[in-house]
Amino acid sequence: MIAHLKGRLDATGIDHAVVDVGGVGYLVGASARTLASIGPIGEAVMLHTEMLVAEDFIRLVGFATASERDWFRLLTGVQGVGARVALAILSALDPAELSRAIAAQDKAMVARANGVGPKLAERIVRELKDKIGGVAIGGAAPIVPGGAGADAVSAMLNLGFRPAEANAAVASAEEELGTGATLDALVRLALRKAAK
């Protein structure tokens, strides 16, 4: 499996980029958000990737951040959500917005993406509600395994909070305290916020 590509951005299209890695051009599908953030043609680029393999194709999908790639994996795990729909969702919502929408069960926000109707949006928020604890909290900051944010979410889960509640409380605490906050401070503030 190809985990990432690091090379020179050779070209971009509506839904893809071509990355030249040592003289080989890799065609990589991407969300509009990723394509807008990877920089100008001719410059160095690094994309996190997911390789999709089916009976009749092998395709690479690229992401500007590991958090976006993780959301792609979660989204494509929902019945009825293929790579195209997942990329449309990630084009419409960044990982932090998607995390907030699912935590709040905001079907309308998810349905803003092209190709996502009300029923599919409802299925996405319902199925992913209990899975978002390991993906992203707060702004664009992903939960880093072993980081204070991840440990704070874990502590909240151990205290009996649901993943969506734990995520939202820790995200709010981390936003207020900043990314350098200690685990103790994060958990204390997250508990106060969850109690409101």
N, C-alpha and C. Protein backbone atom coordinates (compact mmCIF):
# COMPACT_ATOMS: atom_id res chain seq x y z
N MET A 1 0.84 -1.19 0.00
CA MET A 1 0.00 0.00 0.00
C MET A 1 0.88 1.25 0.00
N ILE A 2 0.42 2.29 -0.66
CA ILE A 2 1.14 3.55 -0.71
C ILE A 2 0.54 4.48 0.34
N ALA A 3 1.33 4.85 1.35
CA ALA A 3 0.83 5.65 2.47
C ALA A 3 0.90 7.15 2.19
N HIS A 4 1.92 7.59 1.44
CA HIS A 4 2.00 9.00 1.08
C HIS A 4 2.88 9.15 -0.17
N LEU A 5 2.73 10.30 -0.80
CA LEU A 5 3.55 10.66 -1.96
C LEU A 5 4.24 11.98 -1.66
N LYS A 6 5.53 12.03 -1.94
CA LYS A 6 6.27 13.27 -1.77
C LYS A 6 7.01 13.51 -3.08
N GLY A 7 6.73 14.62 -3.71
CA GLY A 7 7.37 14.91 -4.99
C GLY A 7 7.03 16.31 -5.45
N ARG A 8 6.91 16.48 -6.77
CA ARG A 8 6.62 17.79 -7.36
C ARG A 8 5.23 17.75 -7.97
N LEU A 9 4.44 18.78 -7.71
CA LEU A 9 3.11 18.85 -8.28
C LEU A 9 3.23 19.14 -9.77
N ASP A 10 2.79 18.21 -10.58
CA ASP A 10 2.93 18.30 -12.03
C ASP A 10 1.72 18.95 -12.69
N ALA A 11 0.52 18.62 -12.19
CA ALA A 11 -0.70 19.15 -12.79
C ALA A 11 -1.86 18.96 -11.80
N THR A 12 -2.93 19.73 -12.01
CA THR A 12 -4.16 19.52 -11.24
C THR A 12 -5.35 19.58 -12.18
N GLY A 13 -6.42 18.91 -11.78
CA GLY A 13 -7.67 18.94 -12.52
C GLY A 13 -8.80 19.25 -11.56
N ILE A 14 -10.02 19.06 -11.99
CA ILE A 14 -11.17 19.35 -11.15
C ILE A 14 -11.19 18.45 -9.92
N ASP A 15 -10.82 17.17 -10.09
CA ASP A 15 -10.91 16.22 -8.98
C ASP A 15 -9.64 15.40 -8.79
N HIS A 16 -8.51 15.88 -9.32
CA HIS A 16 -7.28 15.10 -9.21
C HIS A 16 -6.03 15.98 -9.31
N ALA A 17 -4.92 15.38 -8.95
CA ALA A 17 -3.61 16.01 -9.11
C ALA A 17 -2.67 14.96 -9.66
N VAL A 18 -1.61 15.41 -10.32
CA VAL A 18 -0.55 14.51 -10.77
C VAL A 18 0.71 14.91 -10.02
N VAL A 19 1.26 13.95 -9.27
CA VAL A 19 2.46 14.20 -8.48
C VAL A 19 3.61 13.42 -9.10
N ASP A 20 4.67 14.13 -9.48
CA ASP A 20 5.86 13.51 -10.06
C ASP A 20 6.79 13.09 -8.93
N VAL A 21 6.97 11.78 -8.79
CA VAL A 21 7.85 11.24 -7.76
C VAL A 21 8.96 10.47 -8.48
N GLY A 22 10.14 11.07 -8.53
CA GLY A 22 11.28 10.43 -9.19
C GLY A 22 11.04 10.10 -10.65
N GLY A 23 10.35 10.95 -11.36
CA GLY A 23 10.11 10.74 -12.78
C GLY A 23 8.86 9.94 -13.10
N VAL A 24 8.14 9.47 -12.08
CA VAL A 24 6.88 8.74 -12.30
C VAL A 24 5.73 9.64 -11.86
N GLY A 25 4.76 9.86 -12.75
CA GLY A 25 3.62 10.71 -12.44
C GLY A 25 2.47 9.89 -11.87
N TYR A 26 2.11 10.16 -10.61
CA TYR A 26 1.00 9.47 -9.96
C TYR A 26 -0.25 10.32 -10.07
N LEU A 27 -1.31 9.75 -10.65
CA LEU A 27 -2.61 10.41 -10.72
C LEU A 27 -3.33 10.13 -9.41
N VAL A 28 -3.68 11.20 -8.69
CA VAL A 28 -4.25 11.07 -7.36
C VAL A 28 -5.56 11.82 -7.30
N GLY A 29 -6.66 11.12 -7.01
CA GLY A 29 -7.94 11.78 -6.81
C GLY A 29 -7.87 12.61 -5.54
N ALA A 30 -8.61 13.71 -5.47
CA ALA A 30 -8.54 14.56 -4.29
C ALA A 30 -9.79 15.41 -4.16
N SER A 31 -10.06 15.85 -2.93
CA SER A 31 -11.18 16.76 -2.68
C SER A 31 -10.79 18.16 -3.16
N ALA A 32 -11.78 18.99 -3.37
CA ALA A 32 -11.52 20.38 -3.77
C ALA A 32 -10.69 21.10 -2.70
N ARG A 33 -10.95 20.76 -1.44
CA ARG A 33 -10.22 21.38 -0.32
C ARG A 33 -8.73 21.04 -0.38
N THR A 34 -8.42 19.77 -0.65
CA THR A 34 -7.02 19.35 -0.76
C THR A 34 -6.36 20.03 -1.96
N LEU A 35 -7.04 20.04 -3.09
CA LEU A 35 -6.47 20.64 -4.30
C LEU A 35 -6.19 22.13 -4.09
N ALA A 36 -7.02 22.80 -3.31
CA ALA A 36 -6.82 24.23 -3.06
C ALA A 36 -5.65 24.48 -2.12
N SER A 37 -5.31 23.48 -1.30
CA SER A 37 -4.29 23.72 -0.28
C SER A 37 -2.90 23.17 -0.59
N ILE A 38 -2.74 22.44 -1.69
CA ILE A 38 -1.45 21.77 -1.91
C ILE A 38 -0.39 22.65 -2.57
N GLY A 39 -0.76 23.83 -3.01
CA GLY A 39 0.25 24.73 -3.55
C GLY A 39 0.26 24.78 -5.06
N PRO A 40 1.16 25.61 -5.61
CA PRO A 40 1.20 25.81 -7.06
C PRO A 40 1.91 24.66 -7.80
N ILE A 41 1.58 24.54 -9.07
CA ILE A 41 2.21 23.54 -9.94
C ILE A 41 3.71 23.84 -10.02
N GLY A 42 4.50 22.79 -9.96
CA GLY A 42 5.95 22.92 -10.03
C GLY A 42 6.62 22.94 -8.67
N GLU A 43 5.83 23.10 -7.61
CA GLU A 43 6.38 23.14 -6.25
C GLU A 43 6.35 21.76 -5.61
N ALA A 44 7.11 21.61 -4.53
CA ALA A 44 7.14 20.35 -3.79
C ALA A 44 5.79 20.14 -3.10
N VAL A 45 5.37 18.89 -3.02
CA VAL A 45 4.08 18.56 -2.41
C VAL A 45 4.20 17.22 -1.68
N MET A 46 3.43 17.08 -0.61
CA MET A 46 3.33 15.80 0.09
C MET A 46 1.86 15.53 0.34
N LEU A 47 1.40 14.39 -0.12
CA LEU A 47 0.01 14.00 0.08
C LEU A 47 -0.06 12.69 0.85
N HIS A 48 -0.94 12.63 1.84
CA HIS A 48 -1.27 11.36 2.49
C HIS A 48 -2.19 10.65 1.51
N THR A 49 -2.06 9.34 1.37
CA THR A 49 -2.85 8.66 0.36
C THR A 49 -3.59 7.45 0.90
N GLU A 50 -4.61 7.08 0.17
CA GLU A 50 -5.37 5.86 0.40
C GLU A 50 -5.46 5.17 -0.94
N MET A 51 -5.09 3.90 -0.99
CA MET A 51 -5.14 3.15 -2.24
C MET A 51 -6.44 2.35 -2.28
N LEU A 52 -7.23 2.58 -3.32
CA LEU A 52 -8.48 1.85 -3.50
C LEU A 52 -8.25 0.78 -4.56
N VAL A 53 -8.59 -0.45 -4.22
CA VAL A 53 -8.38 -1.56 -5.14
C VAL A 53 -9.72 -2.27 -5.34
N ALA A 54 -10.11 -2.42 -6.59
CA ALA A 54 -11.33 -3.16 -6.93
C ALA A 54 -10.98 -4.12 -8.06
N GLU A 55 -11.96 -4.87 -8.47
CA GLU A 55 -11.73 -5.88 -9.52
C GLU A 55 -11.25 -5.25 -10.81
N ASP A 56 -11.74 -4.04 -11.12
CA ASP A 56 -11.42 -3.44 -12.41
C ASP A 56 -10.59 -2.15 -12.33
N PHE A 57 -10.10 -1.78 -11.14
CA PHE A 57 -9.25 -0.59 -11.08
C PHE A 57 -8.41 -0.57 -9.81
N ILE A 58 -7.33 0.21 -9.87
CA ILE A 58 -6.53 0.57 -8.71
C ILE A 58 -6.44 2.09 -8.77
N ARG A 59 -6.77 2.76 -7.67
CA ARG A 59 -6.83 4.21 -7.68
C ARG A 59 -6.23 4.76 -6.39
N LEU A 60 -5.50 5.85 -6.52
CA LEU A 60 -4.97 6.55 -5.35
C LEU A 60 -5.82 7.78 -5.08
N VAL A 61 -6.09 8.02 -3.79
CA VAL A 61 -6.78 9.22 -3.38
C VAL A 61 -5.84 9.94 -2.43
N GLY A 62 -5.66 11.25 -2.62
CA GLY A 62 -4.71 12.01 -1.81
C GLY A 62 -5.38 13.04 -0.92
N PHE A 63 -4.70 13.32 0.20
CA PHE A 63 -5.23 14.24 1.19
C PHE A 63 -4.14 15.15 1.71
N ALA A 64 -4.47 16.40 1.97
CA ALA A 64 -3.50 17.37 2.48
C ALA A 64 -3.11 17.04 3.92
N THR A 65 -4.04 16.42 4.68
CA THR A 65 -3.75 16.10 6.08
C THR A 65 -4.12 14.65 6.37
N ALA A 66 -3.47 14.10 7.39
CA ALA A 66 -3.79 12.74 7.82
C ALA A 66 -5.21 12.69 8.38
N SER A 67 -5.67 13.77 9.00
CA SER A 67 -7.02 13.83 9.55
C SER A 67 -8.06 13.67 8.44
N GLU A 68 -7.83 14.34 7.31
CA GLU A 68 -8.75 14.24 6.18
C GLU A 68 -8.77 12.80 5.66
N ARG A 69 -7.60 12.16 5.59
CA ARG A 69 -7.53 10.76 5.14
C ARG A 69 -8.30 9.85 6.10
N ASP A 70 -8.16 10.10 7.40
CA ASP A 70 -8.87 9.28 8.39
C ASP A 70 -10.38 9.44 8.25
N TRP A 71 -10.83 10.67 7.98
CA TRP A 71 -12.26 10.88 7.76
C TRP A 71 -12.73 10.18 6.50
N PHE A 72 -11.91 10.18 5.47
CA PHE A 72 -12.26 9.47 4.23
C PHE A 72 -12.49 7.99 4.54
N ARG A 73 -11.60 7.40 5.33
CA ARG A 73 -11.74 5.98 5.70
C ARG A 73 -13.03 5.74 6.46
N LEU A 74 -13.35 6.62 7.41
CA LEU A 74 -14.59 6.47 8.18
C LEU A 74 -15.81 6.62 7.28
N LEU A 75 -15.80 7.64 6.43
CA LEU A 75 -16.95 7.89 5.56
C LEU A 75 -17.20 6.73 4.61
N THR A 76 -16.14 6.19 4.01
CA THR A 76 -16.33 5.10 3.06
C THR A 76 -16.73 3.79 3.76
N GLY A 77 -16.64 3.77 5.08
CA GLY A 77 -17.11 2.61 5.83
C GLY A 77 -18.62 2.62 6.05
N VAL A 78 -19.27 3.74 5.72
CA VAL A 78 -20.72 3.85 5.86
C VAL A 78 -21.36 3.30 4.59
N GLN A 79 -22.38 2.45 4.75
CA GLN A 79 -23.06 1.87 3.60
C GLN A 79 -23.63 2.98 2.71
N GLY A 80 -23.35 2.89 1.41
CA GLY A 80 -23.84 3.88 0.47
C GLY A 80 -22.89 5.03 0.21
N VAL A 81 -21.77 5.07 0.93
CA VAL A 81 -20.79 6.15 0.72
C VAL A 81 -19.56 5.57 0.04
N GLY A 82 -19.39 5.91 -1.22
CA GLY A 82 -18.21 5.49 -1.96
C GLY A 82 -17.17 6.60 -1.94
N ALA A 83 -16.09 6.38 -2.66
CA ALA A 83 -15.00 7.35 -2.69
C ALA A 83 -15.46 8.71 -3.21
N ARG A 84 -16.28 8.71 -4.24
CA ARG A 84 -16.73 9.98 -4.83
C ARG A 84 -17.56 10.81 -3.85
N VAL A 85 -18.48 10.15 -3.15
CA VAL A 85 -19.32 10.86 -2.18
C VAL A 85 -18.48 11.32 -0.99
N ALA A 86 -17.56 10.48 -0.53
CA ALA A 86 -16.69 10.86 0.59
C ALA A 86 -15.86 12.09 0.23
N LEU A 87 -15.34 12.14 -1.00
CA LEU A 87 -14.57 13.31 -1.43
C LEU A 87 -15.46 14.55 -1.56
N ALA A 88 -16.70 14.35 -1.97
CA ALA A 88 -17.63 15.49 -2.05
C ALA A 88 -17.90 16.05 -0.65
N ILE A 89 -18.04 15.16 0.33
CA ILE A 89 -18.27 15.61 1.71
C ILE A 89 -17.04 16.36 2.22
N LEU A 90 -15.85 15.81 1.94
CA LEU A 90 -14.62 16.46 2.39
C LEU A 90 -14.31 17.74 1.62
N SER A 91 -14.92 17.90 0.45
CA SER A 91 -14.80 19.16 -0.28
C SER A 91 -15.67 20.23 0.37
N ALA A 92 -16.83 19.81 0.89
CA ALA A 92 -17.78 20.75 1.49
C ALA A 92 -17.45 21.09 2.94
N LEU A 93 -16.89 20.11 3.68
CA LEU A 93 -16.64 20.29 5.11
C LEU A 93 -15.22 19.89 5.45
N ASP A 94 -14.54 20.70 6.24
CA ASP A 94 -13.21 20.28 6.70
C ASP A 94 -13.39 19.29 7.86
N PRO A 95 -12.33 18.58 8.25
CA PRO A 95 -12.48 17.57 9.31
C PRO A 95 -13.08 18.11 10.60
N ALA A 96 -12.75 19.33 11.00
CA ALA A 96 -13.31 19.89 12.24
C ALA A 96 -14.81 20.14 12.09
N GLU A 97 -15.23 20.67 10.93
CA GLU A 97 -16.66 20.91 10.69
C GLU A 97 -17.42 19.60 10.66
N LEU A 98 -16.83 18.60 10.02
CA LEU A 98 -17.46 17.28 9.93
C LEU A 98 -17.60 16.66 11.32
N SER A 99 -16.57 16.80 12.13
CA SER A 99 -16.60 16.28 13.50
C SER A 99 -17.71 16.95 14.30
N ARG A 100 -17.81 18.27 14.18
CA ARG A 100 -18.85 19.00 14.90
C ARG A 100 -20.25 18.61 14.40
N ALA A 101 -20.39 18.46 13.08
CA ALA A 101 -21.69 18.09 12.51
C ALA A 101 -22.14 16.73 13.02
N ILE A 102 -21.23 15.79 13.09
CA ILE A 102 -21.59 14.45 13.55
C ILE A 102 -21.84 14.45 15.05
N ALA A 103 -21.02 15.15 15.81
CA ALA A 103 -21.23 15.23 17.26
C ALA A 103 -22.59 15.85 17.58
N ALA A 104 -23.00 16.83 16.78
CA ALA A 104 -24.27 17.52 17.00
C ALA A 104 -25.43 16.84 16.26
N GLN A 105 -25.12 15.77 15.52
CA GLN A 105 -26.13 15.06 14.71
C GLN A 105 -26.80 16.02 13.72
N ASP A 106 -25.99 16.90 13.10
CA ASP A 106 -26.48 17.91 12.17
C ASP A 106 -26.51 17.34 10.75
N LYS A 107 -27.64 16.71 10.41
CA LYS A 107 -27.80 16.07 9.10
C LYS A 107 -27.76 17.10 7.97
N ALA A 108 -28.32 18.27 8.21
CA ALA A 108 -28.39 19.30 7.18
C ALA A 108 -27.00 19.75 6.75
N MET A 109 -26.09 19.85 7.71
CA MET A 109 -24.73 20.28 7.39
C MET A 109 -24.04 19.25 6.49
N VAL A 110 -24.21 17.96 6.80
CA VAL A 110 -23.60 16.90 5.98
C VAL A 110 -24.26 16.85 4.60
N ALA A 111 -25.55 17.14 4.55
CA ALA A 111 -26.28 17.08 3.28
C ALA A 111 -25.92 18.22 2.33
N ARG A 112 -25.10 19.18 2.79
CA ARG A 112 -24.66 20.26 1.89
C ARG A 112 -23.77 19.74 0.77
N ALA A 113 -23.14 18.59 0.98
CA ALA A 113 -22.22 18.04 -0.03
C ALA A 113 -23.00 17.50 -1.22
N ASN A 114 -22.41 17.66 -2.40
CA ASN A 114 -23.02 17.14 -3.63
C ASN A 114 -23.19 15.63 -3.52
N GLY A 115 -24.36 15.13 -3.91
CA GLY A 115 -24.60 13.70 -3.92
C GLY A 115 -25.03 13.11 -2.59
N VAL A 116 -25.23 13.97 -1.58
CA VAL A 116 -25.66 13.48 -0.27
C VAL A 116 -27.08 13.97 0.00
N GLY A 117 -28.02 13.03 -0.04
CA GLY A 117 -29.40 13.37 0.26
C GLY A 117 -29.68 13.26 1.75
N PRO A 118 -30.91 13.60 2.15
CA PRO A 118 -31.25 13.59 3.58
C PRO A 118 -31.10 12.21 4.23
N LYS A 119 -31.50 11.16 3.53
CA LYS A 119 -31.42 9.81 4.12
C LYS A 119 -29.97 9.39 4.31
N LEU A 120 -29.13 9.65 3.32
CA LEU A 120 -27.71 9.29 3.44
C LEU A 120 -27.04 10.13 4.53
N ALA A 121 -27.39 11.41 4.59
CA ALA A 121 -26.82 12.28 5.63
C ALA A 121 -27.19 11.76 7.01
N GLU A 122 -28.44 11.32 7.17
CA GLU A 122 -28.88 10.77 8.45
C GLU A 122 -28.11 9.50 8.81
N ARG A 123 -27.92 8.63 7.81
CA ARG A 123 -27.16 7.39 8.05
C ARG A 123 -25.72 7.72 8.45
N ILE A 124 -25.11 8.69 7.79
CA ILE A 124 -23.72 9.06 8.08
C ILE A 124 -23.59 9.55 9.52
N VAL A 125 -24.43 10.49 9.93
CA VAL A 125 -24.29 11.02 11.29
C VAL A 125 -24.63 9.96 12.34
N ARG A 126 -25.58 9.10 12.04
CA ARG A 126 -25.96 8.05 13.00
C ARG A 126 -24.85 7.02 13.17
N GLU A 127 -24.31 6.53 12.03
CA GLU A 127 -23.30 5.48 12.10
C GLU A 127 -21.96 5.98 12.62
N LEU A 128 -21.63 7.24 12.37
CA LEU A 128 -20.31 7.74 12.76
C LEU A 128 -20.29 8.39 14.14
N LYS A 129 -21.46 8.58 14.74
CA LYS A 129 -21.52 9.28 16.03
C LYS A 129 -20.60 8.64 17.07
N ASP A 130 -20.61 7.32 17.17
CA ASP A 130 -19.79 6.65 18.19
C ASP A 130 -18.37 6.37 17.73
N LYS A 131 -18.03 6.72 16.50
CA LYS A 131 -16.69 6.44 16.00
C LYS A 131 -15.78 7.66 15.95
N ILE A 132 -16.31 8.84 16.18
CA ILE A 132 -15.49 10.03 15.97
C ILE A 132 -14.49 10.30 17.08
N GLY A 133 -14.51 9.56 18.16
CA GLY A 133 -13.57 9.77 19.25
C GLY A 133 -12.12 9.67 18.82
N GLY A 134 -11.79 8.86 17.83
CA GLY A 134 -10.40 8.67 17.44
C GLY A 134 -9.95 9.48 16.25
N VAL A 135 -10.80 10.39 15.74
CA VAL A 135 -10.40 11.08 14.52
C VAL A 135 -9.96 12.51 14.76
N ALA A 136 -10.86 13.37 15.16
CA ALA A 136 -10.47 14.78 15.27
C ALA A 136 -11.27 15.47 16.36
N ILE A 137 -10.62 16.41 17.01
CA ILE A 137 -11.30 17.25 17.97
C ILE A 137 -10.89 18.68 17.72
N GLY A 138 -11.66 19.59 18.23
CA GLY A 138 -11.30 21.01 18.16
C GLY A 138 -11.24 21.51 16.74
N GLY A 139 -10.33 22.46 16.52
CA GLY A 139 -10.19 23.07 15.22
C GLY A 139 -9.79 22.05 14.19
N ALA A 140 -8.65 22.23 13.58
CA ALA A 140 -8.21 21.28 12.58
C ALA A 140 -7.25 20.27 13.20
N ALA A 141 -7.06 20.35 14.51
CA ALA A 141 -6.06 19.50 15.15
C ALA A 141 -6.56 18.07 15.29
N PRO A 142 -5.86 17.11 14.71
CA PRO A 142 -6.26 15.73 14.88
C PRO A 142 -5.85 15.24 16.27
N ILE A 143 -6.57 14.23 16.75
CA ILE A 143 -6.14 13.60 17.99
C ILE A 143 -4.92 12.78 17.64
N VAL A 144 -3.82 13.07 18.31
CA VAL A 144 -2.59 12.32 18.07
C VAL A 144 -2.52 11.22 19.11
N PRO A 145 -2.43 9.95 18.69
CA PRO A 145 -2.36 8.90 19.68
C PRO A 145 -1.28 9.21 20.71
N GLY A 146 -1.64 9.15 21.98
CA GLY A 146 -0.69 9.44 23.04
C GLY A 146 -0.64 10.92 23.41
N GLY A 147 -1.28 11.79 22.63
CA GLY A 147 -1.28 13.22 22.93
C GLY A 147 -2.25 13.54 24.06
N ALA A 148 -2.15 14.74 24.62
CA ALA A 148 -3.01 15.13 25.74
C ALA A 148 -4.48 15.12 25.33
N GLY A 149 -4.79 15.56 24.10
CA GLY A 149 -6.18 15.56 23.64
C GLY A 149 -6.76 14.15 23.60
N ALA A 150 -6.01 13.21 23.04
CA ALA A 150 -6.47 11.83 22.97
C ALA A 150 -6.62 11.23 24.36
N ASP A 151 -5.67 11.54 25.24
CA ASP A 151 -5.74 11.02 26.60
C ASP A 151 -6.93 11.61 27.34
N ALA A 152 -7.22 12.89 27.10
CA ALA A 152 -8.36 13.52 27.75
C ALA A 152 -9.67 12.90 27.27
N VAL A 153 -9.78 12.64 25.97
CA VAL A 153 -10.98 11.98 25.44
C VAL A 153 -11.11 10.60 26.07
N SER A 154 -10.01 9.87 26.13
CA SER A 154 -10.02 8.54 26.73
C SER A 154 -10.48 8.60 28.20
N ALA A 155 -9.98 9.58 28.94
CA ALA A 155 -10.38 9.74 30.35
C ALA A 155 -11.88 10.00 30.45
N MET A 156 -12.38 10.85 29.56
CA MET A 156 -13.82 11.16 29.57
C MET A 156 -14.64 9.91 29.24
N LEU A 157 -14.16 9.12 28.28
CA LEU A 157 -14.87 7.88 27.93
C LEU A 157 -14.88 6.92 29.12
N ASN A 158 -13.76 6.84 29.83
CA ASN A 158 -13.68 5.97 31.00
C ASN A 158 -14.59 6.43 32.13
N LEU A 159 -14.93 7.71 32.14
CA LEU A 159 -15.84 8.24 33.14
C LEU A 159 -17.30 8.06 32.74
N GLY A 160 -17.53 7.46 31.58
CA GLY A 160 -18.89 7.14 31.16
C GLY A 160 -19.51 8.08 30.15
N PHE A 161 -18.75 9.06 29.67
CA PHE A 161 -19.29 9.95 28.65
C PHE A 161 -19.33 9.23 27.30
N ARG A 162 -20.31 9.59 26.48
CA ARG A 162 -20.36 9.04 25.12
C ARG A 162 -19.27 9.69 24.29
N PRO A 163 -18.79 9.00 23.23
CA PRO A 163 -17.70 9.57 22.42
C PRO A 163 -17.98 10.98 21.90
N ALA A 164 -19.20 11.23 21.44
CA ALA A 164 -19.52 12.56 20.90
C ALA A 164 -19.43 13.62 22.00
N GLU A 165 -19.93 13.30 23.20
CA GLU A 165 -19.87 14.24 24.32
C GLU A 165 -18.42 14.50 24.74
N ALA A 166 -17.65 13.41 24.85
CA ALA A 166 -16.25 13.52 25.25
C ALA A 166 -15.47 14.36 24.24
N ASN A 167 -15.69 14.08 22.96
CA ASN A 167 -15.02 14.82 21.90
C ASN A 167 -15.33 16.31 21.96
N ALA A 168 -16.63 16.62 22.08
CA ALA A 168 -17.04 18.02 22.08
C ALA A 168 -16.47 18.76 23.30
N ALA A 169 -16.52 18.13 24.46
CA ALA A 169 -16.03 18.78 25.68
C ALA A 169 -14.52 19.01 25.62
N VAL A 170 -13.78 18.00 25.17
CA VAL A 170 -12.32 18.14 25.08
C VAL A 170 -11.96 19.15 23.99
N ALA A 171 -12.69 19.15 22.89
CA ALA A 171 -12.42 20.12 21.82
C ALA A 171 -12.60 21.54 22.33
N SER A 172 -13.68 21.75 23.07
CA SER A 172 -13.95 23.07 23.62
C SER A 172 -12.87 23.47 24.63
N ALA A 173 -12.47 22.52 25.47
CA ALA A 173 -11.42 22.78 26.47
C ALA A 173 -10.09 23.10 25.79
N GLU A 174 -9.76 22.32 24.75
CA GLU A 174 -8.49 22.51 24.05
C GLU A 174 -8.48 23.85 23.32
N GLU A 175 -9.64 24.24 22.79
CA GLU A 175 -9.75 25.53 22.09
C GLU A 175 -9.50 26.67 23.08
N GLU A 176 -10.04 26.53 24.30
CA GLU A 176 -9.89 27.58 25.30
C GLU A 176 -8.47 27.62 25.89
N LEU A 177 -7.88 26.43 26.13
CA LEU A 177 -6.57 26.36 26.79
C LEU A 177 -5.39 26.42 25.83
N GLY A 178 -5.64 26.08 24.57
CA GLY A 178 -4.54 26.03 23.60
C GLY A 178 -3.98 24.63 23.49
N THR A 179 -3.20 24.39 22.43
CA THR A 179 -2.72 23.04 22.14
C THR A 179 -1.65 22.55 23.11
N GLY A 180 -1.03 23.44 23.87
CA GLY A 180 0.01 23.01 24.80
C GLY A 180 -0.52 22.68 26.19
N ALA A 181 -1.84 22.58 26.33
CA ALA A 181 -2.45 22.34 27.64
C ALA A 181 -2.07 20.96 28.18
N THR A 182 -1.98 20.87 29.51
CA THR A 182 -1.66 19.57 30.14
C THR A 182 -2.91 18.71 30.17
N LEU A 183 -2.71 17.42 30.34
CA LEU A 183 -3.82 16.48 30.42
C LEU A 183 -4.74 16.84 31.59
N ASP A 184 -4.17 17.13 32.74
CA ASP A 184 -4.95 17.46 33.92
C ASP A 184 -5.85 18.66 33.67
N ALA A 185 -5.28 19.71 33.08
CA ALA A 185 -6.06 20.93 32.81
C ALA A 185 -7.16 20.65 31.79
N LEU A 186 -6.84 19.87 30.76
CA LEU A 186 -7.84 19.55 29.74
C LEU A 186 -9.01 18.78 30.33
N VAL A 187 -8.71 17.75 31.12
CA VAL A 187 -9.78 16.92 31.69
C VAL A 187 -10.64 17.75 32.64
N ARG A 188 -10.01 18.56 33.50
CA ARG A 188 -10.78 19.38 34.45
C ARG A 188 -11.75 20.32 33.71
N LEU A 189 -11.22 21.02 32.71
CA LEU A 189 -12.07 21.96 31.98
C LEU A 189 -13.13 21.22 31.16
N ALA A 190 -12.75 20.10 30.55
CA ALA A 190 -13.71 19.31 29.76
C ALA A 190 -14.85 18.82 30.65
N LEU A 191 -14.55 18.41 31.87
CA LEU A 191 -15.59 17.95 32.80
C LEU A 191 -16.54 19.11 33.15
N ARG A 192 -15.99 20.29 33.36
CA ARG A 192 -16.84 21.45 33.65
C ARG A 192 -17.73 21.76 32.46
N LYS A 193 -17.17 21.71 31.26
CA LYS A 193 -17.94 22.02 30.05
C LYS A 193 -19.01 20.97 29.81
N ALA A 194 -18.71 19.71 30.05
CA ALA A 194 -19.67 18.63 29.84
C ALA A 194 -20.82 18.71 30.85
N ALA A 195 -20.55 19.27 32.03
CA ALA A 195 -21.57 19.37 33.08
C ALA A 195 -22.59 20.48 32.80
N LYS A 196 -22.26 21.42 31.90
CA LYS A 196 -23.14 22.55 31.61
C LYS A 196 -24.36 22.10 30.82
